[in-house]
Amino acid sequence: MQRMNMQRTTPIMLASVLTAALAACSSLQPPAGEPDRRAAQSGECRVEPVQWAVGEEASPTITGRIWRESHAGLLRPIAPGQAVRHDHRADRINVDVDADNRITRIWCG
């Protein structure tokens, strides 16, 4: 009888563990436009106000300022040779950096 109960509970336990593992691997992204409510409503990413950062070191302070001043919902730093998806998001600002961690390009998408 105990062996039969074990056979019933093992698949359920396995399914629970796999579900928890998959949930831990998923990535959650913040809602679009959190730094500015107007941006959240329009889905706007503005690149012109942050062009001053090209050539700067991509420190947390600088990237945080880029995120806020661009009104983007998401910021995606892109390292040399890094594979990125080519999905366009109007609420995302992309920051390309070189091997020395200097910002080489800033663009929306």
PDB file of N, CA and C in Angstrom:
ATOM      1  N   MET A   1       0.815  -1.188   0.000  1.00  0.00           N
ATOM      2  CA  MET A   1       0.000   0.000   0.000  1.00  0.00           C
ATOM      3  C   MET A   1       0.870   1.267   0.000  1.00  0.00           C
ATOM      4  N   GLN A   2       1.922   1.249   0.798  1.00  0.00           N
ATOM      5  CA  GLN A   2       2.790   2.425   0.861  1.00  0.00           C
ATOM      6  C   GLN A   2       3.487   2.660  -0.485  1.00  0.00           C
ATOM      7  N   ARG A   3       3.843   1.594  -1.169  1.00  0.00           N
ATOM      8  CA  ARG A   3       4.481   1.716  -2.476  1.00  0.00           C
ATOM      9  C   ARG A   3       3.518   2.335  -3.488  1.00  0.00           C
ATOM     10  N   MET A   4       2.249   2.022  -3.406  1.00  0.00           N
ATOM     11  CA  MET A   4       1.257   2.573  -4.316  1.00  0.00           C
ATOM     12  C   MET A   4       1.085   4.073  -4.079  1.00  0.00           C
ATOM     13  N   ASN A   5       1.075   4.506  -2.826  1.00  0.00           N
ATOM     14  CA  ASN A   5       0.981   5.935  -2.516  1.00  0.00           C
ATOM     15  C   ASN A   5       2.199   6.684  -3.041  1.00  0.00           C
ATOM     16  N   MET A   6       3.357   6.069  -2.928  1.00  0.00           N
ATOM     17  CA  MET A   6       4.593   6.687  -3.407  1.00  0.00           C
ATOM     18  C   MET A   6       4.543   6.849  -4.926  1.00  0.00           C
ATOM     19  N   GLN A   7       4.008   5.860  -5.635  1.00  0.00           N
ATOM     20  CA  GLN A   7       3.909   5.933  -7.087  1.00  0.00           C
ATOM     21  C   GLN A   7       2.955   7.040  -7.512  1.00  0.00           C
ATOM     22  N   ARG A   8       1.957   7.333  -6.721  1.00  0.00           N
ATOM     23  CA  ARG A   8       0.997   8.398  -7.048  1.00  0.00           C
ATOM     24  C   ARG A   8       1.580   9.781  -6.768  1.00  0.00           C
ATOM     25  N   THR A   9       2.305   9.902  -5.678  1.00  0.00           N
ATOM     26  CA  THR A   9       2.796  11.226  -5.289  1.00  0.00           C
ATOM     27  C   THR A   9       4.063  11.632  -6.024  1.00  0.00           C
ATOM     28  N   THR A  10       4.850  10.688  -6.505  1.00  0.00           N
ATOM     29  CA  THR A  10       6.104  11.018  -7.183  1.00  0.00           C
ATOM     30  C   THR A  10       5.880  11.894  -8.419  1.00  0.00           C
ATOM     31  N   PRO A  11       4.952  11.575  -9.341  1.00  0.00           N
ATOM     32  CA  PRO A  11       4.739  12.460 -10.489  1.00  0.00           C
ATOM     33  C   PRO A  11       4.247  13.844 -10.087  1.00  0.00           C
ATOM     34  N   ILE A  12       3.429  13.920  -9.068  1.00  0.00           N
ATOM     35  CA  ILE A  12       2.924  15.218  -8.601  1.00  0.00           C
ATOM     36  C   ILE A  12       4.071  16.047  -8.035  1.00  0.00           C
ATOM     37  N   MET A  13       4.915  15.424  -7.237  1.00  0.00           N
ATOM     38  CA  MET A  13       6.052  16.148  -6.659  1.00  0.00           C
ATOM     39  C   MET A  13       7.015  16.593  -7.760  1.00  0.00           C
ATOM     40  N   LEU A  14       7.249  15.717  -8.735  1.00  0.00           N
ATOM     41  CA  LEU A  14       8.145  16.053  -9.832  1.00  0.00           C
ATOM     42  C   LEU A  14       7.601  17.229 -10.641  1.00  0.00           C
ATOM     43  N   ALA A  15       6.306  17.207 -10.918  1.00  0.00           N
ATOM     44  CA  ALA A  15       5.682  18.308 -11.652  1.00  0.00           C
ATOM     45  C   ALA A  15       5.787  19.611 -10.870  1.00  0.00           C
ATOM     46  N   SER A  16       5.624  19.559  -9.562  1.00  0.00           N
ATOM     47  CA  SER A  16       5.727  20.764  -8.727  1.00  0.00           C
ATOM     48  C   SER A  16       7.139  21.343  -8.758  1.00  0.00           C
ATOM     49  N   VAL A  17       8.131  20.467  -8.666  1.00  0.00           N
ATOM     50  CA  VAL A  17       9.524  20.914  -8.683  1.00  0.00           C
ATOM     51  C   VAL A  17       9.859  21.527 -10.043  1.00  0.00           C
ATOM     52  N   LEU A  18       9.436  20.893 -11.133  1.00  0.00           N
ATOM     53  CA  LEU A  18       9.707  21.427 -12.469  1.00  0.00           C
ATOM     54  C   LEU A  18       9.019  22.766 -12.695  1.00  0.00           C
ATOM     55  N   THR A  19       7.792  22.900 -12.204  1.00  0.00           N
ATOM     56  CA  THR A  19       7.080  24.167 -12.337  1.00  0.00           C
ATOM     57  C   THR A  19       7.814  25.279 -11.590  1.00  0.00           C
ATOM     58  N   ALA A  20       8.271  24.984 -10.380  1.00  0.00           N
ATOM     59  CA  ALA A  20       9.010  25.991  -9.601  1.00  0.00           C
ATOM     60  C   ALA A  20      10.320  26.357 -10.285  1.00  0.00           C
ATOM     61  N   ALA A  21      11.008  25.363 -10.846  1.00  0.00           N
ATOM     62  CA  ALA A  21      12.278  25.638 -11.534  1.00  0.00           C
ATOM     63  C   ALA A  21      12.054  26.507 -12.766  1.00  0.00           C
ATOM     64  N   LEU A  22      11.031  26.209 -13.540  1.00  0.00           N
ATOM     65  CA  LEU A  22      10.749  27.025 -14.723  1.00  0.00           C
ATOM     66  C   LEU A  22      10.353  28.443 -14.343  1.00  0.00           C
ATOM     67  N   ALA A  23       9.598  28.591 -13.281  1.00  0.00           N
ATOM     68  CA  ALA A  23       9.209  29.933 -12.841  1.00  0.00           C
ATOM     69  C   ALA A  23      10.433  30.732 -12.409  1.00  0.00           C
ATOM     70  N   ALA A  24      11.395  30.078 -11.790  1.00  0.00           N
ATOM     71  CA  ALA A  24      12.615  30.775 -11.348  1.00  0.00           C
ATOM     72  C   ALA A  24      13.455  31.225 -12.537  1.00  0.00           C
ATOM     73  N   CYS A  25      13.370  30.514 -13.655  1.00  0.00           N
ATOM     74  CA  CYS A  25      14.168  30.860 -14.840  1.00  0.00           C
ATOM     75  C   CYS A  25      13.538  31.969 -15.673  1.00  0.00           C
ATOM     76  N   SER A  26      12.277  32.211 -15.496  1.00  0.00           N
ATOM     77  CA  SER A  26      11.631  33.232 -16.327  1.00  0.00           C
ATOM     78  C   SER A  26      12.095  34.611 -15.895  1.00  0.00           C
ATOM     79  N   SER A  27      12.130  35.544 -16.836  1.00  0.00           N
ATOM     80  CA  SER A  27      12.557  36.892 -16.501  1.00  0.00           C
ATOM     81  C   SER A  27      11.341  37.811 -16.451  1.00  0.00           C
ATOM     82  N   LEU A  28      11.304  38.614 -15.446  1.00  0.00           N
ATOM     83  CA  LEU A  28      10.233  39.585 -15.306  1.00  0.00           C
ATOM     84  C   LEU A  28      10.781  40.947 -15.659  1.00  0.00           C
ATOM     85  N   GLN A  29      10.065  41.671 -16.462  1.00  0.00           N
ATOM     86  CA  GLN A  29      10.504  43.003 -16.835  1.00  0.00           C
ATOM     87  C   GLN A  29       9.560  44.012 -16.200  1.00  0.00           C
ATOM     88  N   PRO A  30      10.103  45.142 -15.785  1.00  0.00           N
ATOM     89  CA  PRO A  30       9.240  46.151 -15.184  1.00  0.00           C
ATOM     90  C   PRO A  30       8.257  46.695 -16.205  1.00  0.00           C
ATOM     91  N   PRO A  31       7.153  47.257 -15.742  1.00  0.00           N
ATOM     92  CA  PRO A  31       6.196  47.853 -16.674  1.00  0.00           C
ATOM     93  C   PRO A  31       6.857  48.966 -17.490  1.00  0.00           C
ATOM     94  N   ALA A  32       6.392  49.142 -18.712  1.00  0.00           N
ATOM     95  CA  ALA A  32       6.969  50.153 -19.602  1.00  0.00           C
ATOM     96  C   ALA A  32       6.810  51.547 -19.020  1.00  0.00           C
ATOM     97  N   GLY A  33       7.853  52.328 -19.076  1.00  0.00           N
ATOM     98  CA  GLY A  33       7.778  53.738 -18.726  1.00  0.00           C
ATOM     99  C   GLY A  33       7.770  54.074 -17.250  1.00  0.00           C
ATOM    100  N   GLU A  34       8.239  53.210 -16.382  1.00  0.00           N
ATOM    101  CA  GLU A  34       8.209  53.495 -14.956  1.00  0.00           C
ATOM    102  C   GLU A  34       8.847  54.831 -14.550  1.00  0.00           C
ATOM    103  N   PRO A  35       9.937  55.291 -15.198  1.00  0.00           N
ATOM    104  CA  PRO A  35      10.532  56.536 -14.730  1.00  0.00           C
ATOM    105  C   PRO A  35       9.646  57.757 -14.943  1.00  0.00           C
ATOM    106  N   ASP A  36       8.676  57.670 -15.824  1.00  0.00           N
ATOM    107  CA  ASP A  36       7.851  58.838 -16.116  1.00  0.00           C
ATOM    108  C   ASP A  36       6.484  58.367 -16.594  1.00  0.00           C
ATOM    109  N   ARG A  37       5.421  58.782 -15.929  1.00  0.00           N
ATOM    110  CA  ARG A  37       4.070  58.327 -16.277  1.00  0.00           C
ATOM    111  C   ARG A  37       3.689  58.697 -17.712  1.00  0.00           C
ATOM    112  N   ARG A  38       4.115  59.858 -18.195  1.00  0.00           N
ATOM    113  CA  ARG A  38       3.813  60.246 -19.578  1.00  0.00           C
ATOM    114  C   ARG A  38       4.419  59.252 -20.555  1.00  0.00           C
ATOM    115  N   ALA A  39       5.628  58.808 -20.257  1.00  0.00           N
ATOM    116  CA  ALA A  39       6.275  57.824 -21.123  1.00  0.00           C
ATOM    117  C   ALA A  39       5.538  56.497 -21.070  1.00  0.00           C
ATOM    118  N   ALA A  40       5.050  56.125 -19.894  1.00  0.00           N
ATOM    119  CA  ALA A  40       4.328  54.865 -19.769  1.00  0.00           C
ATOM    120  C   ALA A  40       3.062  54.891 -20.609  1.00  0.00           C
ATOM    121  N   GLN A  41       2.417  56.026 -20.683  1.00  0.00           N
ATOM    122  CA  GLN A  41       1.183  56.123 -21.448  1.00  0.00           C
ATOM    123  C   GLN A  41       1.452  56.129 -22.944  1.00  0.00           C
ATOM    124  N   SER A  42       2.553  56.734 -23.368  1.00  0.00           N
ATOM    125  CA  SER A  42       2.823  56.848 -24.798  1.00  0.00           C
ATOM    126  C   SER A  42       3.761  55.757 -25.316  1.00  0.00           C
ATOM    127  N   GLY A  43       4.445  55.023 -24.411  1.00  0.00           N
ATOM    128  CA  GLY A  43       5.423  54.029 -24.833  1.00  0.00           C
ATOM    129  C   GLY A  43       6.648  54.660 -25.451  1.00  0.00           C
ATOM    130  N   GLU A  44       6.961  55.843 -25.025  1.00  0.00           N
ATOM    131  CA  GLU A  44       7.980  56.680 -25.651  1.00  0.00           C
ATOM    132  C   GLU A  44       9.380  56.390 -25.113  1.00  0.00           C
ATOM    133  N   CYS A  45      10.342  56.286 -26.007  1.00  0.00           N
ATOM    134  CA  CYS A  45      11.757  56.236 -25.670  1.00  0.00           C
ATOM    135  C   CYS A  45      12.394  57.387 -26.420  1.00  0.00           C
ATOM    136  N   ARG A  46      13.053  58.268 -25.704  1.00  0.00           N
ATOM    137  CA  ARG A  46      13.663  59.434 -26.358  1.00  0.00           C
ATOM    138  C   ARG A  46      15.176  59.327 -26.285  1.00  0.00           C
ATOM    139  N   VAL A  47      15.817  59.270 -27.433  1.00  0.00           N
ATOM    140  CA  VAL A  47      17.259  59.086 -27.481  1.00  0.00           C
ATOM    141  C   VAL A  47      18.024  60.416 -27.509  1.00  0.00           C
ATOM    142  N   GLU A  48      17.416  61.458 -28.051  1.00  0.00           N
ATOM    143  CA  GLU A  48      18.121  62.744 -28.188  1.00  0.00           C
ATOM    144  C   GLU A  48      18.622  63.301 -26.852  1.00  0.00           C
ATOM    145  N   PRO A  49      17.816  63.268 -25.786  1.00  0.00           N
ATOM    146  CA  PRO A  49      18.296  63.862 -24.529  1.00  0.00           C
ATOM    147  C   PRO A  49      19.458  63.128 -23.869  1.00  0.00           C
ATOM    148  N   VAL A  50      19.793  61.919 -24.336  1.00  0.00           N
ATOM    149  CA  VAL A  50      20.843  61.158 -23.665  1.00  0.00           C
ATOM    150  C   VAL A  50      22.094  60.942 -24.522  1.00  0.00           C
ATOM    151  N   GLN A  51      22.182  61.619 -25.643  1.00  0.00           N
ATOM    152  CA  GLN A  51      23.361  61.469 -26.499  1.00  0.00           C
ATOM    153  C   GLN A  51      24.630  61.991 -25.823  1.00  0.00           C
ATOM    154  N   TRP A  52      24.488  62.798 -24.789  1.00  0.00           N
ATOM    155  CA  TRP A  52      25.648  63.285 -24.043  1.00  0.00           C
ATOM    156  C   TRP A  52      26.469  62.125 -23.473  1.00  0.00           C
ATOM    157  N   ALA A  53      25.836  60.942 -23.298  1.00  0.00           N
ATOM    158  CA  ALA A  53      26.504  59.817 -22.634  1.00  0.00           C
ATOM    159  C   ALA A  53      27.428  59.012 -23.556  1.00  0.00           C
ATOM    160  N   VAL A  54      27.358  59.233 -24.860  1.00  0.00           N
ATOM    161  CA  VAL A  54      28.251  58.512 -25.773  1.00  0.00           C
ATOM    162  C   VAL A  54      29.695  58.916 -25.445  1.00  0.00           C
ATOM    163  N   GLY A  55      30.535  57.913 -25.219  1.00  0.00           N
ATOM    164  CA  GLY A  55      31.921  58.150 -24.819  1.00  0.00           C
ATOM    165  C   GLY A  55      32.137  58.043 -23.321  1.00  0.00           C
ATOM    166  N   GLU A  56      31.071  58.083 -22.547  1.00  0.00           N
ATOM    167  CA  GLU A  56      31.174  57.958 -21.088  1.00  0.00           C
ATOM    168  C   GLU A  56      31.323  56.484 -20.695  1.00  0.00           C
ATOM    169  N   GLU A  57      31.835  56.254 -19.484  1.00  0.00           N
ATOM    170  CA  GLU A  57      31.893  54.898 -18.947  1.00  0.00           C
ATOM    171  C   GLU A  57      30.478  54.459 -18.582  1.00  0.00           C
ATOM    172  N   ALA A  58      30.142  53.216 -18.870  1.00  0.00           N
ATOM    173  CA  ALA A  58      28.794  52.705 -18.598  1.00  0.00           C
ATOM    174  C   ALA A  58      28.667  52.248 -17.142  1.00  0.00           C
ATOM    175  N   SER A  59      28.810  53.184 -16.241  1.00  0.00           N
ATOM    176  CA  SER A  59      28.687  52.890 -14.809  1.00  0.00           C
ATOM    177  C   SER A  59      27.212  52.834 -14.426  1.00  0.00           C
ATOM    178  N   PRO A  60      26.885  52.260 -13.272  1.00  0.00           N
ATOM    179  CA  PRO A  60      25.489  52.247 -12.825  1.00  0.00           C
ATOM    180  C   PRO A  60      24.894  53.649 -12.713  1.00  0.00           C
ATOM    181  N   THR A  61      25.691  54.617 -12.324  1.00  0.00           N
ATOM    182  CA  THR A  61      25.206  55.990 -12.219  1.00  0.00           C
ATOM    183  C   THR A  61      24.832  56.545 -13.588  1.00  0.00           C
ATOM    184  N   ILE A  62      25.701  56.353 -14.558  1.00  0.00           N
ATOM    185  CA  ILE A  62      25.448  56.867 -15.914  1.00  0.00           C
ATOM    186  C   ILE A  62      24.277  56.132 -16.557  1.00  0.00           C
ATOM    187  N   THR A  63      24.243  54.808 -16.474  1.00  0.00           N
ATOM    188  CA  THR A  63      23.146  54.069 -17.102  1.00  0.00           C
ATOM    189  C   THR A  63      21.812  54.374 -16.429  1.00  0.00           C
ATOM    190  N   GLY A  64      21.838  54.593 -15.128  1.00  0.00           N
ATOM    191  CA  GLY A  64      20.606  54.999 -14.440  1.00  0.00           C
ATOM    192  C   GLY A  64      20.118  56.356 -14.920  1.00  0.00           C
ATOM    193  N   ARG A  65      21.033  57.247 -15.126  1.00  0.00           N
ATOM    194  CA  ARG A  65      20.669  58.578 -15.640  1.00  0.00           C
ATOM    195  C   ARG A  65      20.136  58.483 -17.073  1.00  0.00           C
ATOM    196  N   ILE A  66      20.755  57.639 -17.899  1.00  0.00           N
ATOM    197  CA  ILE A  66      20.260  57.426 -19.267  1.00  0.00           C
ATOM    198  C   ILE A  66      18.831  56.901 -19.213  1.00  0.00           C
ATOM    199  N   TRP A  67      18.591  55.921 -18.363  1.00  0.00           N
ATOM    200  CA  TRP A  67      17.259  55.320 -18.230  1.00  0.00           C
ATOM    201  C   TRP A  67      16.220  56.374 -17.862  1.00  0.00           C
ATOM    202  N   ARG A  68      16.554  57.188 -16.861  1.00  0.00           N
ATOM    203  CA  ARG A  68      15.602  58.218 -16.409  1.00  0.00           C
ATOM    204  C   ARG A  68      15.382  59.300 -17.463  1.00  0.00           C
ATOM    205  N   GLU A  69      16.459  59.809 -18.035  1.00  0.00           N
ATOM    206  CA  GLU A  69      16.350  60.932 -18.969  1.00  0.00           C
ATOM    207  C   GLU A  69      15.765  60.529 -20.329  1.00  0.00           C
ATOM    208  N   SER A  70      15.846  59.247 -20.676  1.00  0.00           N
ATOM    209  CA  SER A  70      15.283  58.783 -21.952  1.00  0.00           C
ATOM    210  C   SER A  70      13.788  58.485 -21.829  1.00  0.00           C
ATOM    211  N   HIS A  71      13.303  58.385 -20.591  1.00  0.00           N
ATOM    212  CA  HIS A  71      11.907  58.032 -20.304  1.00  0.00           C
ATOM    213  C   HIS A  71      11.559  56.628 -20.780  1.00  0.00           C
ATOM    214  N   ALA A  72      12.567  55.788 -20.981  1.00  0.00           N
ATOM    215  CA  ALA A  72      12.322  54.416 -21.415  1.00  0.00           C
ATOM    216  C   ALA A  72      11.861  53.563 -20.242  1.00  0.00           C
ATOM    217  N   GLY A  73      11.100  52.545 -20.549  1.00  0.00           N
ATOM    218  CA  GLY A  73      10.666  51.603 -19.520  1.00  0.00           C
ATOM    219  C   GLY A  73      11.755  50.598 -19.195  1.00  0.00           C
ATOM    220  N   LEU A  74      12.599  50.291 -20.181  1.00  0.00           N
ATOM    221  CA  LEU A  74      13.666  49.305 -20.025  1.00  0.00           C
ATOM    222  C   LEU A  74      14.970  49.852 -20.571  1.00  0.00           C
ATOM    223  N   LEU A  75      16.068  49.422 -19.969  1.00  0.00           N
ATOM    224  CA  LEU A  75      17.391  49.754 -20.475  1.00  0.00           C
ATOM    225  C   LEU A  75      18.111  48.438 -20.741  1.00  0.00           C
ATOM    226  N   ARG A  76      18.676  48.303 -21.940  1.00  0.00           N
ATOM    227  CA  ARG A  76      19.398  47.079 -22.290  1.00  0.00           C
ATOM    228  C   ARG A  76      20.835  47.430 -22.657  1.00  0.00           C
ATOM    229  N   PRO A  77      21.802  47.145 -21.756  1.00  0.00           N
ATOM    230  CA  PRO A  77      23.207  47.323 -22.122  1.00  0.00           C
ATOM    231  C   PRO A  77      23.618  46.172 -23.038  1.00  0.00           C
ATOM    232  N   ILE A  78      24.395  46.477 -24.080  1.00  0.00           N
ATOM    233  CA  ILE A  78      24.813  45.462 -25.049  1.00  0.00           C
ATOM    234  C   ILE A  78      26.331  45.471 -25.148  1.00  0.00           C
ATOM    235  N   ALA A  79      26.954  44.366 -24.754  1.00  0.00           N
ATOM    236  CA  ALA A  79      28.408  44.228 -24.777  1.00  0.00           C
ATOM    237  C   ALA A  79      28.873  43.812 -26.168  1.00  0.00           C
ATOM    238  N   PRO A  80      30.160  44.014 -26.478  1.00  0.00           N
ATOM    239  CA  PRO A  80      30.680  43.607 -27.789  1.00  0.00           C
ATOM    240  C   PRO A  80      30.463  42.106 -28.012  1.00  0.00           C
ATOM    241  N   GLY A  81      29.912  41.760 -29.165  1.00  0.00           N
ATOM    242  CA  GLY A  81      29.697  40.363 -29.504  1.00  0.00           C
ATOM    243  C   GLY A  81      28.518  39.698 -28.814  1.00  0.00           C
ATOM    244  N   GLN A  82      27.815  40.438 -27.990  1.00  0.00           N
ATOM    245  CA  GLN A  82      26.668  39.853 -27.275  1.00  0.00           C
ATOM    246  C   GLN A  82      25.516  39.605 -28.241  1.00  0.00           C
ATOM    247  N   ALA A  83      24.930  38.440 -28.160  1.00  0.00           N
ATOM    248  CA  ALA A  83      23.763  38.126 -28.988  1.00  0.00           C
ATOM    249  C   ALA A  83      22.545  38.820 -28.396  1.00  0.00           C
ATOM    250  N   VAL A  84      21.786  39.490 -29.241  1.00  0.00           N
ATOM    251  CA  VAL A  84      20.559  40.154 -28.784  1.00  0.00           C
ATOM    252  C   VAL A  84      19.415  39.806 -29.721  1.00  0.00           C
ATOM    253  N   ARG A  85      18.235  39.777 -29.160  1.00  0.00           N
ATOM    254  CA  ARG A  85      17.048  39.560 -29.979  1.00  0.00           C
ATOM    255  C   ARG A  85      16.767  40.828 -30.771  1.00  0.00           C
ATOM    256  N   HIS A  86      16.242  40.663 -31.944  1.00  0.00           N
ATOM    257  CA  HIS A  86      15.944  41.804 -32.800  1.00  0.00           C
ATOM    258  C   HIS A  86      14.475  42.177 -32.731  1.00  0.00           C
ATOM    259  N   ASP A  87      13.892  41.996 -31.560  1.00  0.00           N
ATOM    260  CA  ASP A  87      12.513  42.430 -31.364  1.00  0.00           C
ATOM    261  C   ASP A  87      12.517  43.921 -31.048  1.00  0.00           C
ATOM    262  N   HIS A  88      11.640  44.646 -31.651  1.00  0.00           N
ATOM    263  CA  HIS A  88      11.581  46.096 -31.429  1.00  0.00           C
ATOM    264  C   HIS A  88      10.631  46.398 -30.285  1.00  0.00           C
ATOM    265  N   ARG A  89      11.107  47.178 -29.326  1.00  0.00           N
ATOM    266  CA  ARG A  89      10.265  47.654 -28.229  1.00  0.00           C
ATOM    267  C   ARG A  89      10.403  49.164 -28.170  1.00  0.00           C
ATOM    268  N   ALA A  90       9.310  49.845 -28.356  1.00  0.00           N
ATOM    269  CA  ALA A  90       9.330  51.309 -28.364  1.00  0.00           C
ATOM    270  C   ALA A  90       9.671  51.883 -26.993  1.00  0.00           C
ATOM    271  N   ASP A  91       9.530  51.074 -25.957  1.00  0.00           N
ATOM    272  CA  ASP A  91       9.791  51.559 -24.600  1.00  0.00           C
ATOM    273  C   ASP A  91      11.177  51.154 -24.080  1.00  0.00           C
ATOM    274  N   ARG A  92      12.079  50.686 -24.967  1.00  0.00           N
ATOM    275  CA  ARG A  92      13.393  50.218 -24.521  1.00  0.00           C
ATOM    276  C   ARG A  92      14.499  51.081 -25.112  1.00  0.00           C
ATOM    277  N   ILE A  93      15.483  51.421 -24.261  1.00  0.00           N
ATOM    278  CA  ILE A  93      16.680  52.122 -24.725  1.00  0.00           C
ATOM    279  C   ILE A  93      17.835  51.122 -24.680  1.00  0.00           C
ATOM    280  N   ASN A  94      18.584  51.052 -25.772  1.00  0.00           N
ATOM    281  CA  ASN A  94      19.728  50.155 -25.887  1.00  0.00           C
ATOM    282  C   ASN A  94      21.007  50.965 -25.757  1.00  0.00           C
ATOM    283  N   VAL A  95      21.948  50.432 -25.002  1.00  0.00           N
ATOM    284  CA  VAL A  95      23.224  51.113 -24.779  1.00  0.00           C
ATOM    285  C   VAL A  95      24.340  50.159 -25.199  1.00  0.00           C
ATOM    286  N   ASP A  96      24.970  50.442 -26.327  1.00  0.00           N
ATOM    287  CA  ASP A  96      26.098  49.636 -26.799  1.00  0.00           C
ATOM    288  C   ASP A  96      27.363  50.098 -26.083  1.00  0.00           C
ATOM    289  N   VAL A  97      28.142  49.131 -25.577  1.00  0.00           N
ATOM    290  CA  VAL A  97      29.398  49.459 -24.902  1.00  0.00           C
ATOM    291  C   VAL A  97      30.546  48.699 -25.560  1.00  0.00           C
ATOM    292  N   ASP A  98      31.741  49.258 -25.484  1.00  0.00           N
ATOM    293  CA  ASP A  98      32.906  48.592 -26.064  1.00  0.00           C
ATOM    294  C   ASP A  98      33.617  47.758 -24.997  1.00  0.00           C
ATOM    295  N   ALA A  99      34.755  47.189 -25.364  1.00  0.00           N
ATOM    296  CA  ALA A  99      35.504  46.317 -24.452  1.00  0.00           C
ATOM    297  C   ALA A  99      36.016  47.060 -23.220  1.00  0.00           C
ATOM    298  N   ASP A 100      36.136  48.378 -23.304  1.00  0.00           N
ATOM    299  CA  ASP A 100      36.591  49.181 -22.162  1.00  0.00           C
ATOM    300  C   ASP A 100      35.426  49.714 -21.331  1.00  0.00           C
ATOM    301  N   ASN A 101      34.215  49.226 -21.607  1.00  0.00           N
ATOM    302  CA  ASN A 101      32.998  49.638 -20.915  1.00  0.00           C
ATOM    303  C   ASN A 101      32.629  51.097 -21.191  1.00  0.00           C
ATOM    304  N   ARG A 102      33.009  51.582 -22.356  1.00  0.00           N
ATOM    305  CA  ARG A 102      32.633  52.924 -22.794  1.00  0.00           C
ATOM    306  C   ARG A 102      31.418  52.817 -23.705  1.00  0.00           C
ATOM    307  N   ILE A 103      30.513  53.763 -23.574  1.00  0.00           N
ATOM    308  CA  ILE A 103      29.308  53.780 -24.386  1.00  0.00           C
ATOM    309  C   ILE A 103      29.655  54.244 -25.792  1.00  0.00           C
ATOM    310  N   THR A 104      29.287  53.410 -26.779  1.00  0.00           N
ATOM    311  CA  THR A 104      29.596  53.746 -28.179  1.00  0.00           C
ATOM    312  C   THR A 104      28.357  54.178 -28.961  1.00  0.00           C
ATOM    313  N   ARG A 105      27.179  53.730 -28.511  1.00  0.00           N
ATOM    314  CA  ARG A 105      25.959  54.086 -29.220  1.00  0.00           C
ATOM    315  C   ARG A 105      24.763  53.928 -28.297  1.00  0.00           C
ATOM    316  N   ILE A 106      23.787  54.801 -28.455  1.00  0.00           N
ATOM    317  CA  ILE A 106      22.530  54.729 -27.696  1.00  0.00           C
ATOM    318  C   ILE A 106      21.395  54.809 -28.699  1.00  0.00           C
ATOM    319  N   TRP A 107      20.451  53.866 -28.598  1.00  0.00           N
ATOM    320  CA  TRP A 107      19.365  53.835 -29.557  1.00  0.00           C
ATOM    321  C   TRP A 107      18.116  53.205 -28.943  1.00  0.00           C
ATOM    322  N   CYS A 108      16.981  53.594 -29.458  1.00  0.00           N
ATOM    323  CA  CYS A 108      15.704  53.060 -28.979  1.00  0.00           C
ATOM    324  C   CYS A 108      15.330  51.835 -29.813  1.00  0.00           C
ATOM    325  N   GLY A 109      14.636  50.933 -29.191  1.00  0.00           N
ATOM    326  CA  GLY A 109      14.141  49.783 -29.948  1.00  0.00           C
ATOM    327  C   GLY A 109      14.132  48.504 -29.208  1.00  0.00           C
TER     328      GLY A 109
END
